[in-house]
Every structure is written in structure tokens, then in C-alpha cells.
Amino acid sequence: MKVTIEVDCTPEEARRMMGLPDLTPLHDHFLTRMRETMDGQAASPELINAMFRSWAPVGDAGMDFWRQLFSSGSKPAA
């Protein structure tokens, strides 16, 4: 037996239905701090690395994840 359920809702409605917290204020604060930091100086890999280390200390494994994510996004598509 196969049952398919289709739910048509916005991301906000889905978040509320699943009981997930609203992280919009945290996201807005993070982006504001990133803009303030980058407005003060030219963005360099060292600056971005320092920002992530000071805002979200995730250790070496987390930094490797971010490094791989950014490097894969900068490679041309095959």
C-alpha cells in the first residue's frame, strides 16, 4: 500500500506546524553584523574566517564544512 499526502503551505506555516522556532530575529542580527563588519573593510578570506570564528565557534570540523561549502560554490559548473 502506498499513501501520498500533499501539503500546500508556506515555509512559515510549515515551521509553525512542526513546532520549530522562528529564527528570523537571529538571522537578521547575523546579517546586520556581517554587513557592518564588511562595510568597514574589504572582504577577504581572512576577514570572513575571523567573523565566523568569533560569531559561531564551531571548531575545526565546522570550519572545514564552511570552507568546503564556499569552495564548491566558487567552482565553475561541469
C-alpha atoms as a PDB file:
ATOM      1  CA  MET A   1       0.000   0.000   0.000  1.00  0.00           C
ATOM      2  CA  LYS A   2       1.265   3.430  -0.857  1.00  0.00           C
ATOM      3  CA  VAL A   3      -0.195   6.609   0.598  1.00  0.00           C
ATOM      4  CA  THR A   4       0.729  10.066  -0.667  1.00  0.00           C
ATOM      5  CA  ILE A   5      -0.046  13.204   1.278  1.00  0.00           C
ATOM      6  CA  GLU A   6       0.469  16.589  -0.301  1.00  0.00           C
ATOM      7  CA  VAL A   7       0.671  19.631   1.954  1.00  0.00           C
ATOM      8  CA  ASP A   8       0.397  23.078   0.408  1.00  0.00           C
ATOM      9  CA  CYS A   9       1.726  25.669   2.833  1.00  0.00           C
ATOM     10  CA  THR A  10       4.277  28.438   3.118  1.00  0.00           C
ATOM     11  CA  PRO A  11       7.625  27.860   4.838  1.00  0.00           C
ATOM     12  CA  GLU A  12       6.339  29.916   7.789  1.00  0.00           C
ATOM     13  CA  GLU A  13       3.241  27.719   8.096  1.00  0.00           C
ATOM     14  CA  ALA A  14       5.355  24.547   7.869  1.00  0.00           C
ATOM     15  CA  ARG A  15       7.713  25.826  10.579  1.00  0.00           C
ATOM     16  CA  ARG A  16       4.817  26.547  12.919  1.00  0.00           C
ATOM     17  CA  MET A  17       3.123  23.220  12.152  1.00  0.00           C
ATOM     18  CA  MET A  18       6.314  21.317  13.067  1.00  0.00           C
ATOM     19  CA  GLY A  19       6.866  23.452  16.189  1.00  0.00           C
ATOM     20  CA  LEU A  20      10.217  24.842  15.041  1.00  0.00           C
ATOM     21  CA  PRO A  21      11.412  28.157  16.499  1.00  0.00           C
ATOM     22  CA  ASP A  22      11.288  31.368  14.492  1.00  0.00           C
ATOM     23  CA  LEU A  23      14.954  32.264  13.905  1.00  0.00           C
ATOM     24  CA  THR A  24      14.202  35.363  11.830  1.00  0.00           C
ATOM     25  CA  PRO A  25      15.441  37.824  14.512  1.00  0.00           C
ATOM     26  CA  LEU A  26      18.683  35.849  14.894  1.00  0.00           C
ATOM     27  CA  HIS A  27      19.146  35.722  11.107  1.00  0.00           C
ATOM     28  CA  ASP A  28      18.534  39.470  10.787  1.00  0.00           C
ATOM     29  CA  HIS A  29      21.013  40.209  13.603  1.00  0.00           C
ATOM     30  CA  PHE A  30      23.653  37.978  11.978  1.00  0.00           C
ATOM     31  CA  LEU A  31      23.252  39.678   8.595  1.00  0.00           C
ATOM     32  CA  THR A  32      23.368  43.144  10.174  1.00  0.00           C
ATOM     33  CA  ARG A  33      26.637  42.322  11.954  1.00  0.00           C
ATOM     34  CA  MET A  34      28.099  40.844   8.768  1.00  0.00           C
ATOM     35  CA  ARG A  35      27.173  43.990   6.788  1.00  0.00           C
ATOM     36  CA  GLU A  36      28.638  46.280   9.464  1.00  0.00           C
ATOM     37  CA  THR A  37      31.886  44.318   9.510  1.00  0.00           C
ATOM     38  CA  MET A  38      32.210  44.133   5.734  1.00  0.00           C
ATOM     39  CA  ASP A  39      31.329  47.812   5.255  1.00  0.00           C
ATOM     40  CA  GLY A  40      34.301  48.748   7.414  1.00  0.00           C
ATOM     41  CA  GLN A  41      36.844  46.836   5.342  1.00  0.00           C
ATOM     42  CA  ALA A  42      37.271  44.900   2.117  1.00  0.00           C
ATOM     43  CA  ALA A  43      36.096  41.311   2.357  1.00  0.00           C
ATOM     44  CA  SER A  44      38.996  38.880   2.390  1.00  0.00           C
ATOM     45  CA  PRO A  45      39.114  35.178   3.220  1.00  0.00           C
ATOM     46  CA  GLU A  46      40.896  36.027   6.471  1.00  0.00           C
ATOM     47  CA  LEU A  47      38.173  38.528   7.445  1.00  0.00           C
ATOM     48  CA  ILE A  48      35.377  36.061   6.721  1.00  0.00           C
ATOM     49  CA  ASN A  49      37.224  33.331   8.627  1.00  0.00           C
ATOM     50  CA  ALA A  50      37.647  35.641  11.630  1.00  0.00           C
ATOM     51  CA  MET A  51      33.960  36.648  11.514  1.00  0.00           C
ATOM     52  CA  PHE A  52      32.775  33.033  11.527  1.00  0.00           C
ATOM     53  CA  ARG A  53      35.172  32.067  14.320  1.00  0.00           C
ATOM     54  CA  SER A  54      34.021  34.956  16.532  1.00  0.00           C
ATOM     55  CA  TRP A  55      30.291  34.589  15.836  1.00  0.00           C
ATOM     56  CA  ALA A  56      29.895  30.834  15.772  1.00  0.00           C
ATOM     57  CA  PRO A  57      32.787  28.937  17.338  1.00  0.00           C
ATOM     58  CA  VAL A  58      32.239  25.585  15.678  1.00  0.00           C
ATOM     59  CA  GLY A  59      35.710  24.088  15.857  1.00  0.00           C
ATOM     60  CA  ASP A  60      37.872  22.768  13.065  1.00  0.00           C
ATOM     61  CA  ALA A  61      35.280  20.307  11.747  1.00  0.00           C
ATOM     62  CA  GLY A  62      32.706  23.071  11.353  1.00  0.00           C
ATOM     63  CA  MET A  63      35.212  25.390   9.694  1.00  0.00           C
ATOM     64  CA  ASP A  64      36.142  22.615   7.249  1.00  0.00           C
ATOM     65  CA  PHE A  65      32.457  22.258   6.373  1.00  0.00           C
ATOM     66  CA  TRP A  66      32.119  26.010   5.662  1.00  0.00           C
ATOM     67  CA  ARG A  67      35.393  26.029   3.699  1.00  0.00           C
ATOM     68  CA  GLN A  68      34.200  23.139   1.504  1.00  0.00           C
ATOM     69  CA  LEU A  69      30.807  24.764   1.028  1.00  0.00           C
ATOM     70  CA  PHE A  70      32.289  28.083  -0.128  1.00  0.00           C
ATOM     71  CA  SER A  71      34.959  26.480  -2.304  1.00  0.00           C
ATOM     72  CA  SER A  72      32.439  24.221  -4.057  1.00  0.00           C
ATOM     73  CA  GLY A  73      30.202  27.229  -4.714  1.00  0.00           C
ATOM     74  CA  SER A  74      33.031  29.115  -6.358  1.00  0.00           C
ATOM     75  CA  LYS A  75      33.967  26.367  -8.821  1.00  0.00           C
ATOM     76  CA  PRO A  76      32.503  26.537 -12.338  1.00  0.00           C
ATOM     77  CA  ALA A  77      29.770  24.022 -13.109  1.00  0.00           C
ATOM     78  CA  ALA A  78      30.852  20.995 -15.119  1.00  0.00           C
END
